[in-house]
Protein backbone atom coordinates (compact mmCIF):
# COMPACT_ATOMS: atom_id res chain seq x y z
CA UNK A 1 106.20 88.02 96.40
CA UNK A 2 103.92 90.78 97.75
CA UNK A 3 100.34 90.82 99.03
CA UNK A 4 98.64 94.19 98.65
CA UNK A 5 95.33 94.29 100.53
CA UNK A 6 92.84 96.51 98.73
CA UNK A 7 91.62 98.50 101.71
CA UNK A 8 89.93 101.89 101.77
CA UNK A 9 90.71 102.62 105.43
CA UNK A 10 94.07 103.53 106.99
CA UNK A 11 94.65 100.07 108.50
CA UNK A 12 96.98 98.69 105.80
CA UNK A 13 99.68 98.03 108.45
CA UNK A 14 97.29 95.75 110.31
CA UNK A 15 96.36 93.81 107.16
CA UNK A 16 100.01 93.48 106.14
CA UNK A 17 100.91 92.09 109.58
CA UNK A 18 98.00 89.62 109.58
CA UNK A 19 98.60 88.26 106.07
CA UNK A 20 100.84 85.41 107.23
CA UNK A 21 97.93 83.91 109.20
CA UNK A 22 95.89 83.34 106.01
CA UNK A 23 97.31 79.90 105.30
CA UNK A 24 96.06 78.39 102.05
CA UNK A 25 93.71 81.28 101.28
CA UNK A 26 93.51 82.44 97.68
CA UNK A 27 92.15 85.95 98.09
CA UNK A 28 94.67 87.43 100.51
CA UNK A 29 94.10 90.87 99.00
CA UNK A 30 90.48 91.10 100.25
CA UNK A 31 89.73 92.90 103.52
CA UNK A 32 86.92 90.45 104.34
CA UNK A 33 89.50 87.65 104.83
CA UNK A 34 91.07 89.52 107.78
CA UNK A 35 87.97 90.10 109.94
CA UNK A 36 88.49 87.00 112.13
CA UNK A 37 92.25 87.59 112.51
CA UNK A 38 92.28 91.03 114.17
CA UNK A 39 92.84 89.52 117.63
CA UNK A 40 96.17 87.87 116.65
CA UNK A 41 98.05 91.06 117.60
CA UNK A 42 97.35 93.92 120.00
CA UNK A 43 97.07 97.03 117.83
CA UNK A 44 96.00 99.31 120.72
CA UNK A 45 99.54 100.68 121.18
CA UNK A 46 99.65 102.34 117.73
CA UNK A 47 97.58 104.91 115.88
CA UNK A 48 96.35 104.38 112.34
CA UNK A 49 97.79 105.25 109.86
CA UNK A 50 100.97 103.78 111.36
CA UNK A 51 104.13 105.82 111.08
CA UNK A 52 107.42 103.87 110.90
CA UNK A 53 108.46 105.38 114.24
CA UNK A 54 105.54 103.54 115.94
CA UNK A 55 106.65 100.07 114.79
CA UNK A 56 109.18 99.43 117.64
CA UNK A 57 106.39 100.04 120.16
CA UNK A 58 104.22 97.50 118.32
CA UNK A 59 107.11 94.99 118.27
CA UNK A 60 107.66 95.26 122.04
CA UNK A 61 103.95 94.93 122.83
CA UNK A 62 103.45 91.85 120.63
CA UNK A 63 106.87 90.14 120.96
CA UNK A 64 107.47 90.12 117.21
CA UNK A 65 109.95 91.63 114.78
CA UNK A 66 109.24 93.74 111.71
CA UNK A 67 111.50 94.88 108.86
CA UNK A 68 110.34 97.65 106.53
CA UNK A 69 111.58 98.22 102.99
CA UNK A 70 110.85 101.04 100.58
CA UNK A 71 110.78 101.59 96.83
CA UNK A 72 113.10 104.06 95.15
CA UNK A 73 113.87 104.97 91.56
CA UNK A 74 117.40 104.89 90.20
CA UNK A 75 118.36 107.34 87.50
CA UNK A 76 120.89 107.38 84.70
CA UNK A 77 123.39 110.22 84.22
CA UNK A 78 120.80 112.29 82.36
CA UNK A 79 118.27 112.27 85.22
CA UNK A 80 115.91 109.79 83.55
CA UNK A 81 114.19 107.12 85.64
CA UNK A 82 115.77 103.73 84.96
CA UNK A 83 114.56 101.17 87.51
CA UNK A 84 112.54 100.91 90.66
CA UNK A 85 114.62 99.32 93.42
CA UNK A 86 113.90 98.03 96.91
CA UNK A 87 115.92 99.53 99.78
CA UNK A 88 115.91 99.01 103.58
CA UNK A 89 114.20 101.52 105.87
CA UNK A 90 113.97 99.67 109.20
CA UNK A 91 115.66 96.29 109.56
CA UNK A 92 115.15 94.06 112.59
CA UNK A 93 118.53 93.17 114.06
CA UNK A 94 117.21 89.95 115.57
CA UNK A 95 114.49 88.29 113.54
CA UNK A 96 112.21 86.56 116.02
CA UNK A 97 110.17 83.48 115.21
CA UNK A 98 107.23 85.82 114.62
CA UNK A 99 108.80 88.05 111.95
CA UNK A 100 107.20 90.02 109.12
CA UNK A 101 108.73 91.90 106.19
CA UNK A 102 106.73 94.89 104.95
CA UNK A 103 106.97 97.06 101.85
CA UNK A 104 106.38 100.77 102.49
CA UNK A 105 105.09 102.60 99.43
CA UNK A 106 104.83 106.39 99.62
CA UNK A 107 104.65 109.45 97.44
CA UNK A 108 107.60 111.86 97.34
CA UNK A 109 106.15 114.07 100.08
CA UNK A 110 105.30 111.02 102.25
CA UNK A 111 101.84 112.48 102.91
CA UNK A 112 100.26 109.30 101.60
CA UNK A 113 101.74 105.87 102.25
CA UNK A 114 100.73 102.23 102.19
CA UNK A 115 102.09 98.96 103.66
CA UNK A 116 102.16 95.62 101.83
CA UNK A 117 103.19 92.20 103.13
CA UNK A 118 106.35 90.73 101.56
CA UNK A 119 105.73 86.99 101.25
CA UNK A 120 109.08 86.13 99.64
CA UNK A 121 111.89 88.63 100.21
CA UNK A 122 114.41 86.81 97.99
CA UNK A 123 112.02 86.78 95.04
CA UNK A 124 111.33 90.51 95.50
CA UNK A 125 114.96 91.72 95.46
CA UNK A 126 116.80 88.96 93.62
CA UNK A 127 116.82 90.64 90.17
CA UNK A 128 118.38 93.82 91.51
CA UNK A 129 121.21 91.82 93.18
CA UNK A 130 122.20 89.00 90.81
CA UNK A 131 121.24 87.21 87.62
CA UNK A 132 122.48 83.82 88.84
CA UNK A 133 119.89 81.06 89.16
CA UNK A 134 121.22 79.32 92.28
CA UNK A 135 119.75 79.80 95.77
CA UNK A 136 121.04 82.89 97.57
CA UNK A 137 120.73 84.20 101.12
CA UNK A 138 120.36 87.97 101.38
CA UNK A 139 121.36 90.38 104.17
CA UNK A 140 118.30 92.57 104.58
CA UNK A 141 120.35 95.53 105.77
CA UNK A 142 122.92 95.92 102.98
CA UNK A 143 121.59 93.45 100.34
CA UNK A 144 124.84 91.50 100.23
CA UNK A 145 124.14 87.94 99.18
CA UNK A 146 125.80 84.69 100.24
CA UNK A 147 125.53 81.15 98.95
CA UNK A 148 124.82 79.49 102.31
CA UNK A 149 123.11 80.51 105.57
CA UNK A 150 126.26 80.12 107.69
CA UNK A 151 128.12 82.74 105.66
CA UNK A 152 125.09 85.03 105.91
CA UNK A 153 125.01 84.69 109.72
CA UNK A 154 128.71 85.64 109.92
CA UNK A 155 128.11 88.61 107.62
CA UNK A 156 125.05 89.79 109.59
CA UNK A 157 127.08 89.96 112.82
CA UNK A 158 129.60 92.25 111.15
CA UNK A 159 126.99 94.23 109.22
CA UNK A 160 124.95 95.12 112.29
CA UNK A 161 128.08 95.81 114.37
CA UNK A 162 129.37 98.40 111.90
CA UNK A 163 126.31 100.64 112.00
CA UNK A 164 123.08 100.57 113.97
CA UNK A 165 121.43 102.80 111.36
CA UNK A 166 120.13 101.63 108.03
CA UNK A 167 120.72 103.60 104.86
CA UNK A 168 119.81 107.27 104.78
CA UNK A 169 116.36 107.23 103.25
CA UNK A 170 115.57 110.90 102.86
CA UNK A 171 118.96 112.30 101.91
CA UNK A 172 118.63 116.00 100.95
CA UNK A 173 118.54 116.27 97.17
CA UNK A 174 120.65 119.45 97.16
CA UNK A 175 123.61 117.51 98.62
CA UNK A 176 123.84 115.04 95.73
CA UNK A 177 126.72 115.55 93.30
CA UNK A 178 125.46 116.27 89.81
CA UNK A 179 127.12 116.19 86.41
CA UNK A 180 125.81 119.03 84.30
CA UNK A 181 128.00 119.01 81.17
CA UNK A 182 126.33 116.26 79.16
CA UNK A 183 128.21 117.41 76.05
CA UNK A 184 131.52 116.40 77.64
CA UNK A 185 130.41 112.88 78.55
CA UNK A 186 132.31 109.93 77.11
CA UNK A 187 131.34 106.26 77.10
CA UNK A 188 133.79 103.91 78.75
């Protein structure tokens, strides 16, 4: 569900955006496959490495839409890492015909980061939403799932009307509520 181009330069955003043009290619993770595709988009409006705040400028210049998702770790009550989960960072309100979903991977300080192309969004997030085997349609902003596309369209109108902002990504850690008395915990 993800293509991670093994690049050594800071142009991972460009490779992630161009991945959808490699139709039928096996080695989508090789930089050499992208050499002839660089003219598909105008990348002159952004600086590499691309910060998330530059993406709207790229979208306007190239008449495309981009949604960006991150990876976060959930923890149990004891502070132990349990699962890695996908969460929204920047969600396109109107997905144009030329739309790309990207995965933004960063370290905790966000000094180093990397973009990957999401080829199948449902396959990427399905396990964290439901265990059912039937086809689902997922709201990319709040990860609510519906059983048909009409219900999803109705939900998306309400979801984007409620709040223009996506989830708070970098919430200050000192504002989280914490339970410190592990000895008083009871299972229920």
